[in-house]
């Protein structure tokens, strides 16, 4: 895990972001967000996100993520040590 946040915090943050967007969209179209079906749908969304964030990555993806993370760290370290290097988009 590369983030300093726990998976619970990440899932909760993602849930808040998605639910706020969906609630705004529903309210814009005059649909209630406080009735029982809506509450149940949001609870299912929360459960789904929690399950997705707590599921283990396949080994190949975990290795790839670790390798890419180390690459980024080495690039950042190189940039701190060498002020003459400039990165630009091509």
PDB file of N, CA and C in Angstrom:
ATOM      1  N   UNK A   1       0.852  -1.169   0.000  1.00  0.00           N
ATOM      2  CA  UNK A   1       0.000   0.000   0.000  1.00  0.00           C
ATOM      3  C   UNK A   1       0.892   1.224   0.000  1.00  0.00           C
ATOM      4  N   UNK A   2       0.636   2.164  -0.897  1.00  0.00           N
ATOM      5  CA  UNK A   2       1.502   3.321  -1.052  1.00  0.00           C
ATOM      6  C   UNK A   2       0.917   4.575  -0.418  1.00  0.00           C
ATOM      7  N   UNK A   3      -0.355   4.577  -0.153  1.00  0.00           N
ATOM      8  CA  UNK A   3      -1.004   5.746   0.426  1.00  0.00           C
ATOM      9  C   UNK A   3      -0.867   5.721   1.938  1.00  0.00           C
ATOM     10  N   UNK A   4      -0.830   6.907   2.531  1.00  0.00           N
ATOM     11  CA  UNK A   4      -0.758   6.991   3.989  1.00  0.00           C
ATOM     12  C   UNK A   4      -2.136   6.827   4.613  1.00  0.00           C
ATOM     13  N   UNK A   5      -3.177   6.951   3.801  1.00  0.00           N
ATOM     14  CA  UNK A   5      -4.537   6.785   4.300  1.00  0.00           C
ATOM     15  C   UNK A   5      -4.890   5.303   4.332  1.00  0.00           C
ATOM     16  N   UNK A   6      -5.758   4.949   5.268  1.00  0.00           N
ATOM     17  CA  UNK A   6      -6.230   3.568   5.303  1.00  0.00           C
ATOM     18  C   UNK A   6      -7.224   3.354   4.165  1.00  0.00           C
ATOM     19  N   UNK A   7      -7.457   2.099   3.825  1.00  0.00           N
ATOM     20  CA  UNK A   7      -8.414   1.813   2.757  1.00  0.00           C
ATOM     21  C   UNK A   7      -9.814   2.264   3.149  1.00  0.00           C
ATOM     22  N   UNK A   8     -10.115   2.221   4.454  1.00  0.00           N
ATOM     23  CA  UNK A   8     -11.418   2.703   4.931  1.00  0.00           C
ATOM     24  C   UNK A   8     -11.581   4.186   4.626  1.00  0.00           C
ATOM     25  N   UNK A   9     -10.536   4.975   4.903  1.00  0.00           N
ATOM     26  CA  UNK A   9     -10.597   6.413   4.659  1.00  0.00           C
ATOM     27  C   UNK A   9     -10.729   6.711   3.166  1.00  0.00           C
ATOM     28  N   UNK A  10      -9.994   5.979   2.355  1.00  0.00           N
ATOM     29  CA  UNK A  10     -10.049   6.189   0.905  1.00  0.00           C
ATOM     30  C   UNK A  10     -11.436   5.844   0.378  1.00  0.00           C
ATOM     31  N   UNK A  11     -11.990   4.707   0.820  1.00  0.00           N
ATOM     32  CA  UNK A  11     -13.323   4.295   0.373  1.00  0.00           C
ATOM     33  C   UNK A  11     -14.374   5.299   0.824  1.00  0.00           C
ATOM     34  N   UNK A  12     -14.249   5.798   2.049  1.00  0.00           N
ATOM     35  CA  UNK A  12     -15.213   6.772   2.569  1.00  0.00           C
ATOM     36  C   UNK A  12     -15.134   8.085   1.792  1.00  0.00           C
ATOM     37  N   UNK A  13     -13.935   8.528   1.483  1.00  0.00           N
ATOM     38  CA  UNK A  13     -13.751   9.757   0.700  1.00  0.00           C
ATOM     39  C   UNK A  13     -14.352   9.597  -0.698  1.00  0.00           C
ATOM     40  N   UNK A  14     -14.106   8.453  -1.313  1.00  0.00           N
ATOM     41  CA  UNK A  14     -14.653   8.178  -2.639  1.00  0.00           C
ATOM     42  C   UNK A  14     -16.177   8.127  -2.592  1.00  0.00           C
ATOM     43  N   UNK A  15     -16.722   7.494  -1.552  1.00  0.00           N
ATOM     44  CA  UNK A  15     -18.176   7.412  -1.396  1.00  0.00           C
ATOM     45  C   UNK A  15     -18.784   8.804  -1.267  1.00  0.00           C
ATOM     46  N   UNK A  16     -18.190   9.645  -0.445  1.00  0.00           N
ATOM     47  CA  UNK A  16     -18.711  11.007  -0.257  1.00  0.00           C
ATOM     48  C   UNK A  16     -18.699  11.777  -1.567  1.00  0.00           C
ATOM     49  N   UNK A  17     -17.632  11.629  -2.336  1.00  0.00           N
ATOM     50  CA  UNK A  17     -17.516  12.318  -3.612  1.00  0.00           C
ATOM     51  C   UNK A  17     -18.592  11.851  -4.593  1.00  0.00           C
ATOM     52  N   UNK A  18     -18.731  10.547  -4.737  1.00  0.00           N
ATOM     53  CA  UNK A  18     -19.715   9.997  -5.677  1.00  0.00           C
ATOM     54  C   UNK A  18     -21.134  10.306  -5.225  1.00  0.00           C
ATOM     55  N   UNK A  19     -21.418  10.107  -3.937  1.00  0.00           N
ATOM     56  CA  UNK A  19     -22.788  10.323  -3.455  1.00  0.00           C
ATOM     57  C   UNK A  19     -23.188  11.787  -3.560  1.00  0.00           C
ATOM     58  N   UNK A  20     -22.257  12.711  -3.322  1.00  0.00           N
ATOM     59  CA  UNK A  20     -22.577  14.134  -3.461  1.00  0.00           C
ATOM     60  C   UNK A  20     -22.938  14.464  -4.906  1.00  0.00           C
ATOM     61  N   UNK A  21     -22.190  13.914  -5.845  1.00  0.00           N
ATOM     62  CA  UNK A  21     -22.469  14.146  -7.264  1.00  0.00           C
ATOM     63  C   UNK A  21     -23.824  13.567  -7.659  1.00  0.00           C
ATOM     64  N   UNK A  22     -24.103  12.347  -7.220  1.00  0.00           N
ATOM     65  CA  UNK A  22     -25.371  11.693  -7.560  1.00  0.00           C
ATOM     66  C   UNK A  22     -26.544  12.427  -6.918  1.00  0.00           C
ATOM     67  N   UNK A  23     -26.396  12.823  -5.655  1.00  0.00           N
ATOM     68  CA  UNK A  23     -27.472  13.542  -4.970  1.00  0.00           C
ATOM     69  C   UNK A  23     -27.782  14.862  -5.659  1.00  0.00           C
ATOM     70  N   UNK A  24     -26.747  15.577  -6.066  1.00  0.00           N
ATOM     71  CA  UNK A  24     -26.952  16.836  -6.782  1.00  0.00           C
ATOM     72  C   UNK A  24     -27.702  16.600  -8.083  1.00  0.00           C
ATOM     73  N   UNK A  25     -27.310  15.577  -8.811  1.00  0.00           N
ATOM     74  CA  UNK A  25     -27.971  15.252 -10.079  1.00  0.00           C
ATOM     75  C   UNK A  25     -29.430  14.866  -9.854  1.00  0.00           C
ATOM     76  N   UNK A  26     -29.686  14.043  -8.842  1.00  0.00           N
ATOM     77  CA  UNK A  26     -31.063  13.633  -8.553  1.00  0.00           C
ATOM     78  C   UNK A  26     -31.925  14.824  -8.143  1.00  0.00           C
ATOM     79  N   UNK A  27     -31.380  15.691  -7.297  1.00  0.00           N
ATOM     80  CA  UNK A  27     -32.133  16.861  -6.852  1.00  0.00           C
ATOM     81  C   UNK A  27     -32.401  17.821  -8.001  1.00  0.00           C
ATOM     82  N   UNK A  28     -31.451  17.939  -8.931  1.00  0.00           N
ATOM     83  CA  UNK A  28     -31.656  18.797 -10.101  1.00  0.00           C
ATOM     84  C   UNK A  28     -32.817  18.314 -10.957  1.00  0.00           C
ATOM     85  N   UNK A  29     -33.086  17.014 -10.916  1.00  0.00           N
ATOM     86  CA  UNK A  29     -34.173  16.445 -11.706  1.00  0.00           C
ATOM     87  C   UNK A  29     -35.421  16.174 -10.869  1.00  0.00           C
ATOM     88  N   UNK A  30     -35.455  16.706  -9.659  1.00  0.00           N
ATOM     89  CA  UNK A  30     -36.644  16.604  -8.821  1.00  0.00           C
ATOM     90  C   UNK A  30     -36.888  15.238  -8.215  1.00  0.00           C
ATOM     91  N   UNK A  31     -35.850  14.450  -8.050  1.00  0.00           N
ATOM     92  CA  UNK A  31     -35.988  13.116  -7.471  1.00  0.00           C
ATOM     93  C   UNK A  31     -35.517  13.165  -6.020  1.00  0.00           C
ATOM     94  N   UNK A  32     -36.293  12.568  -5.138  1.00  0.00           N
ATOM     95  CA  UNK A  32     -35.973  12.583  -3.716  1.00  0.00           C
ATOM     96  C   UNK A  32     -34.738  11.739  -3.413  1.00  0.00           C
ATOM     97  N   UNK A  33     -33.927  12.247  -2.491  1.00  0.00           N
ATOM     98  CA  UNK A  33     -32.737  11.503  -2.075  1.00  0.00           C
ATOM     99  C   UNK A  33     -32.845  11.019  -0.631  1.00  0.00           C
ATOM    100  N   UNK A  34     -34.009  11.255  -0.008  1.00  0.00           N
ATOM    101  CA  UNK A  34     -34.167  10.877   1.401  1.00  0.00           C
ATOM    102  C   UNK A  34     -35.197   9.772   1.609  1.00  0.00           C
ATOM    103  N   UNK A  35     -35.852   9.320   0.541  1.00  0.00           N
ATOM    104  CA  UNK A  35     -36.829   8.239   0.712  1.00  0.00           C
ATOM    105  C   UNK A  35     -36.099   6.895   0.864  1.00  0.00           C
ATOM    106  N   UNK A  36     -36.843   5.878   1.201  1.00  0.00           N
ATOM    107  CA  UNK A  36     -36.252   4.573   1.525  1.00  0.00           C
ATOM    108  C   UNK A  36     -35.461   3.953   0.363  1.00  0.00           C
ATOM    109  N   UNK A  37     -35.967   3.944  -0.873  1.00  0.00           N
ATOM    110  CA  UNK A  37     -35.169   3.359  -1.965  1.00  0.00           C
ATOM    111  C   UNK A  37     -33.839   4.093  -2.186  1.00  0.00           C
ATOM    112  N   UNK A  38     -33.863   5.414  -2.047  1.00  0.00           N
ATOM    113  CA  UNK A  38     -32.624   6.179  -2.230  1.00  0.00           C
ATOM    114  C   UNK A  38     -31.629   5.853  -1.119  1.00  0.00           C
ATOM    115  N   UNK A  39     -32.116   5.795   0.114  1.00  0.00           N
ATOM    116  CA  UNK A  39     -31.229   5.454   1.233  1.00  0.00           C
ATOM    117  C   UNK A  39     -30.618   4.071   1.044  1.00  0.00           C
ATOM    118  N   UNK A  40     -31.438   3.138   0.580  1.00  0.00           N
ATOM    119  CA  UNK A  40     -30.948   1.780   0.350  1.00  0.00           C
ATOM    120  C   UNK A  40     -29.903   1.766  -0.770  1.00  0.00           C
ATOM    121  N   UNK A  41     -30.151   2.535  -1.828  1.00  0.00           N
ATOM    122  CA  UNK A  41     -29.201   2.584  -2.941  1.00  0.00           C
ATOM    123  C   UNK A  41     -27.859   3.171  -2.496  1.00  0.00           C
ATOM    124  N   UNK A  42     -27.906   4.226  -1.691  1.00  0.00           N
ATOM    125  CA  UNK A  42     -26.658   4.824  -1.216  1.00  0.00           C
ATOM    126  C   UNK A  42     -25.919   3.888  -0.257  1.00  0.00           C
ATOM    127  N   UNK A  43     -26.665   3.139   0.539  1.00  0.00           N
ATOM    128  CA  UNK A  43     -26.025   2.166   1.430  1.00  0.00           C
ATOM    129  C   UNK A  43     -25.358   1.056   0.618  1.00  0.00           C
ATOM    130  N   UNK A  44     -26.014   0.619  -0.457  1.00  0.00           N
ATOM    131  CA  UNK A  44     -25.423  -0.405  -1.325  1.00  0.00           C
ATOM    132  C   UNK A  44     -24.174   0.125  -2.026  1.00  0.00           C
ATOM    133  N   UNK A  45     -24.207   1.398  -2.417  1.00  0.00           N
ATOM    134  CA  UNK A  45     -23.033   2.021  -3.030  1.00  0.00           C
ATOM    135  C   UNK A  45     -21.864   2.027  -2.047  1.00  0.00           C
ATOM    136  N   UNK A  46     -22.154   2.379  -0.809  1.00  0.00           N
ATOM    137  CA  UNK A  46     -21.110   2.406   0.221  1.00  0.00           C
ATOM    138  C   UNK A  46     -20.521   1.007   0.432  1.00  0.00           C
ATOM    139  N   UNK A  47     -21.383   0.007   0.489  1.00  0.00           N
ATOM    140  CA  UNK A  47     -20.930  -1.374   0.670  1.00  0.00           C
ATOM    141  C   UNK A  47     -20.093  -1.831  -0.523  1.00  0.00           C
ATOM    142  N   UNK A  48     -20.544  -1.509  -1.725  1.00  0.00           N
ATOM    143  CA  UNK A  48     -19.816  -1.883  -2.935  1.00  0.00           C
ATOM    144  C   UNK A  48     -18.422  -1.267  -2.956  1.00  0.00           C
ATOM    145  N   UNK A  49     -18.326   0.026  -2.642  1.00  0.00           N
ATOM    146  CA  UNK A  49     -17.018   0.677  -2.625  1.00  0.00           C
ATOM    147  C   UNK A  49     -16.106   0.067  -1.563  1.00  0.00           C
ATOM    148  N   UNK A  50     -16.670  -0.208  -0.405  1.00  0.00           N
ATOM    149  CA  UNK A  50     -15.866  -0.830   0.657  1.00  0.00           C
ATOM    150  C   UNK A  50     -15.334  -2.190   0.193  1.00  0.00           C
ATOM    151  N   UNK A  51     -16.188  -2.982  -0.444  1.00  0.00           N
ATOM    152  CA  UNK A  51     -15.762  -4.304  -0.931  1.00  0.00           C
ATOM    153  C   UNK A  51     -14.682  -4.187  -2.002  1.00  0.00           C
ATOM    154  N   UNK A  52     -14.834  -3.213  -2.899  1.00  0.00           N
ATOM    155  CA  UNK A  52     -13.844  -3.038  -3.960  1.00  0.00           C
ATOM    156  C   UNK A  52     -12.495  -2.601  -3.402  1.00  0.00           C
ATOM    157  N   UNK A  53     -12.511  -1.711  -2.425  1.00  0.00           N
ATOM    158  CA  UNK A  53     -11.251  -1.226  -1.864  1.00  0.00           C
ATOM    159  C   UNK A  53     -10.593  -2.228  -0.928  1.00  0.00           C
ATOM    160  N   UNK A  54     -11.351  -3.160  -0.390  1.00  0.00           N
ATOM    161  CA  UNK A  54     -10.753  -4.129   0.525  1.00  0.00           C
ATOM    162  C   UNK A  54     -10.321  -5.412  -0.187  1.00  0.00           C
ATOM    163  N   UNK A  55     -10.677  -5.555  -1.456  1.00  0.00           N
ATOM    164  CA  UNK A  55     -10.281  -6.738  -2.223  1.00  0.00           C
ATOM    165  C   UNK A  55      -8.797  -6.636  -2.595  1.00  0.00           C
ATOM    166  N   UNK A  56      -8.095  -7.733  -2.470  1.00  0.00           N
ATOM    167  CA  UNK A  56      -6.668  -7.747  -2.800  1.00  0.00           C
ATOM    168  C   UNK A  56      -6.461  -7.662  -4.311  1.00  0.00           C
ATOM    169  N   UNK A  57      -5.383  -6.974  -4.691  1.00  0.00           N
ATOM    170  CA  UNK A  57      -5.013  -6.894  -6.095  1.00  0.00           C
ATOM    171  C   UNK A  57      -4.396  -8.213  -6.538  1.00  0.00           C
ATOM    172  N   UNK A  58      -4.562  -8.563  -7.805  1.00  0.00           N
ATOM    173  CA  UNK A  58      -3.834  -9.725  -8.314  1.00  0.00           C
ATOM    174  C   UNK A  58      -2.320  -9.481  -8.198  1.00  0.00           C
ATOM    175  N   UNK A  59      -1.579 -10.551  -8.055  1.00  0.00           N
ATOM    176  CA  UNK A  59      -0.135 -10.446  -7.831  1.00  0.00           C
ATOM    177  C   UNK A  59       0.566  -9.653  -8.920  1.00  0.00           C
ATOM    178  N   UNK A  60       0.197  -9.858 -10.164  1.00  0.00           N
ATOM    179  CA  UNK A  60       0.864  -9.162 -11.268  1.00  0.00           C
ATOM    180  C   UNK A  60       0.628  -7.652 -11.187  1.00  0.00           C
ATOM    181  N   UNK A  61      -0.592  -7.249 -10.835  1.00  0.00           N
ATOM    182  CA  UNK A  61      -0.873  -5.817 -10.712  1.00  0.00           C
ATOM    183  C   UNK A  61      -0.159  -5.210  -9.514  1.00  0.00           C
ATOM    184  N   UNK A  62      -0.088  -5.954  -8.420  1.00  0.00           N
ATOM    185  CA  UNK A  62       0.611  -5.453  -7.236  1.00  0.00           C
ATOM    186  C   UNK A  62       2.096  -5.253  -7.530  1.00  0.00           C
ATOM    187  N   UNK A  63       2.705  -6.201  -8.240  1.00  0.00           N
ATOM    188  CA  UNK A  63       4.116  -6.068  -8.602  1.00  0.00           C
ATOM    189  C   UNK A  63       4.335  -4.890  -9.543  1.00  0.00           C
ATOM    190  N   UNK A  64       3.441  -4.723 -10.500  1.00  0.00           N
ATOM    191  CA  UNK A  64       3.557  -3.602 -11.431  1.00  0.00           C
ATOM    192  C   UNK A  64       3.429  -2.277 -10.698  1.00  0.00           C
ATOM    193  N   UNK A  65       2.469  -2.182  -9.777  1.00  0.00           N
ATOM    194  CA  UNK A  65       2.275  -0.952  -9.011  1.00  0.00           C
ATOM    195  C   UNK A  65       3.507  -0.639  -8.171  1.00  0.00           C
ATOM    196  N   UNK A  66       4.077  -1.659  -7.557  1.00  0.00           N
ATOM    197  CA  UNK A  66       5.276  -1.452  -6.733  1.00  0.00           C
ATOM    198  C   UNK A  66       6.445  -0.982  -7.592  1.00  0.00           C
ATOM    199  N   UNK A  67       6.609  -1.590  -8.766  1.00  0.00           N
ATOM    200  CA  UNK A  67       7.697  -1.216  -9.669  1.00  0.00           C
ATOM    201  C   UNK A  67       7.535   0.229 -10.152  1.00  0.00           C
ATOM    202  N   UNK A  68       6.307   0.613 -10.523  1.00  0.00           N
ATOM    203  CA  UNK A  68       6.062   1.980 -10.974  1.00  0.00           C
ATOM    204  C   UNK A  68       6.257   2.984  -9.841  1.00  0.00           C
ATOM    205  N   UNK A  69       5.860   2.613  -8.643  1.00  0.00           N
ATOM    206  CA  UNK A  69       6.045   3.482  -7.484  1.00  0.00           C
ATOM    207  C   UNK A  69       7.529   3.734  -7.230  1.00  0.00           C
ATOM    208  N   UNK A  70       8.335   2.678  -7.316  1.00  0.00           N
ATOM    209  CA  UNK A  70       9.777   2.825  -7.120  1.00  0.00           C
ATOM    210  C   UNK A  70      10.400   3.675  -8.226  1.00  0.00           C
ATOM    211  N   UNK A  71       9.906   3.541  -9.448  1.00  0.00           N
ATOM    212  CA  UNK A  71      10.402   4.354 -10.555  1.00  0.00           C
ATOM    213  C   UNK A  71      10.123   5.828 -10.300  1.00  0.00           C
ATOM    214  N   UNK A  72       8.912   6.132  -9.873  1.00  0.00           N
ATOM    215  CA  UNK A  72       8.542   7.517  -9.574  1.00  0.00           C
ATOM    216  C   UNK A  72       9.409   8.066  -8.449  1.00  0.00           C
ATOM    217  N   UNK A  73       9.623   7.265  -7.417  1.00  0.00           N
ATOM    218  CA  UNK A  73      10.465   7.712  -6.301  1.00  0.00           C
ATOM    219  C   UNK A  73      11.891   8.002  -6.759  1.00  0.00           C
ATOM    220  N   UNK A  74      12.439   7.167  -7.614  1.00  0.00           N
ATOM    221  CA  UNK A  74      13.811   7.391  -8.073  1.00  0.00           C
ATOM    222  C   UNK A  74      13.892   8.645  -8.944  1.00  0.00           C
ATOM    223  N   UNK A  75      12.874   8.900  -9.751  1.00  0.00           N
ATOM    224  CA  UNK A  75      12.844  10.118 -10.563  1.00  0.00           C
ATOM    225  C   UNK A  75      12.753  11.345  -9.662  1.00  0.00           C
ATOM    226  N   UNK A  76      11.900  11.290  -8.641  1.00  0.00           N
ATOM    227  CA  UNK A  76      11.776  12.417  -7.717  1.00  0.00           C
ATOM    228  C   UNK A  76      13.094  12.674  -6.992  1.00  0.00           C
ATOM    229  N   UNK A  77      13.755  11.620  -6.581  1.00  0.00           N
ATOM    230  CA  UNK A  77      15.033  11.761  -5.888  1.00  0.00           C
ATOM    231  C   UNK A  77      16.078  12.371  -6.820  1.00  0.00           C
ATOM    232  N   UNK A  78      16.111  11.928  -8.058  1.00  0.00           N
ATOM    233  CA  UNK A  78      17.047  12.466  -9.037  1.00  0.00           C
ATOM    234  C   UNK A  78      16.793  13.951  -9.268  1.00  0.00           C
ATOM    235  N   UNK A  79      15.524  14.341  -9.357  1.00  0.00           N
ATOM    236  CA  UNK A  79      15.190  15.745  -9.584  1.00  0.00           C
ATOM    237  C   UNK A  79      15.595  16.626  -8.403  1.00  0.00           C
ATOM    238  N   UNK A  80      15.506  16.089  -7.198  1.00  0.00           N
ATOM    239  CA  UNK A  80      15.927  16.852  -6.018  1.00  0.00           C
ATOM    240  C   UNK A  80      17.441  17.031  -5.989  1.00  0.00           C
ATOM    241  N   UNK A  81      18.161  16.041  -6.464  1.00  0.00           N
ATOM    242  CA  UNK A  81      19.622  16.086  -6.431  1.00  0.00           C
ATOM    243  C   UNK A  81      20.209  16.886  -7.588  1.00  0.00           C
ATOM    244  N   UNK A  82      19.498  16.970  -8.695  1.00  0.00           N
ATOM    245  CA  UNK A  82      20.019  17.622  -9.900  1.00  0.00           C
ATOM    246  C   UNK A  82      19.124  18.781 -10.311  1.00  0.00           C
ATOM    247  N   UNK A  83      19.447  20.001  -9.879  1.00  0.00           N
ATOM    248  CA  UNK A  83      18.612  21.151 -10.239  1.00  0.00           C
ATOM    249  C   UNK A  83      18.720  21.546 -11.711  1.00  0.00           C
ATOM    250  N   UNK A  84      19.689  20.981 -12.435  1.00  0.00           N
ATOM    251  CA  UNK A  84      19.860  21.329 -13.843  1.00  0.00           C
ATOM    252  C   UNK A  84      18.926  20.551 -14.766  1.00  0.00           C
ATOM    253  N   UNK A  85      18.180  19.602 -14.231  1.00  0.00           N
ATOM    254  CA  UNK A  85      17.269  18.799 -15.046  1.00  0.00           C
ATOM    255  C   UNK A  85      15.894  19.457 -15.068  1.00  0.00           C
ATOM    256  N   UNK A  86      15.332  19.559 -16.262  1.00  0.00           N
ATOM    257  CA  UNK A  86      14.006  20.139 -16.432  1.00  0.00           C
ATOM    258  C   UNK A  86      13.117  19.100 -17.104  1.00  0.00           C
ATOM    259  N   UNK A  87      11.917  18.945 -16.582  1.00  0.00           N
ATOM    260  CA  UNK A  87      10.960  18.019 -17.185  1.00  0.00           C
ATOM    261  C   UNK A  87       9.914  18.838 -17.920  1.00  0.00           C
ATOM    262  N   UNK A  88       9.610  18.423 -19.139  1.00  0.00           N
ATOM    263  CA  UNK A  88       8.565  19.099 -19.904  1.00  0.00           C
ATOM    264  C   UNK A  88       7.789  18.083 -20.705  1.00  0.00           C
ATOM    265  N   UNK A  89       6.590  18.476 -21.059  1.00  0.00           N
ATOM    266  CA  UNK A  89       5.763  17.613 -21.905  1.00  0.00           C
ATOM    267  C   UNK A  89       6.192  17.741 -23.345  1.00  0.00           C
ATOM    268  N   UNK A  90       6.176  16.620 -24.058  1.00  0.00           N
ATOM    269  CA  UNK A  90       6.524  16.679 -25.475  1.00  0.00           C
ATOM    270  C   UNK A  90       5.353  16.252 -26.312  1.00  0.00           C
TER     271      UNK A  90
END
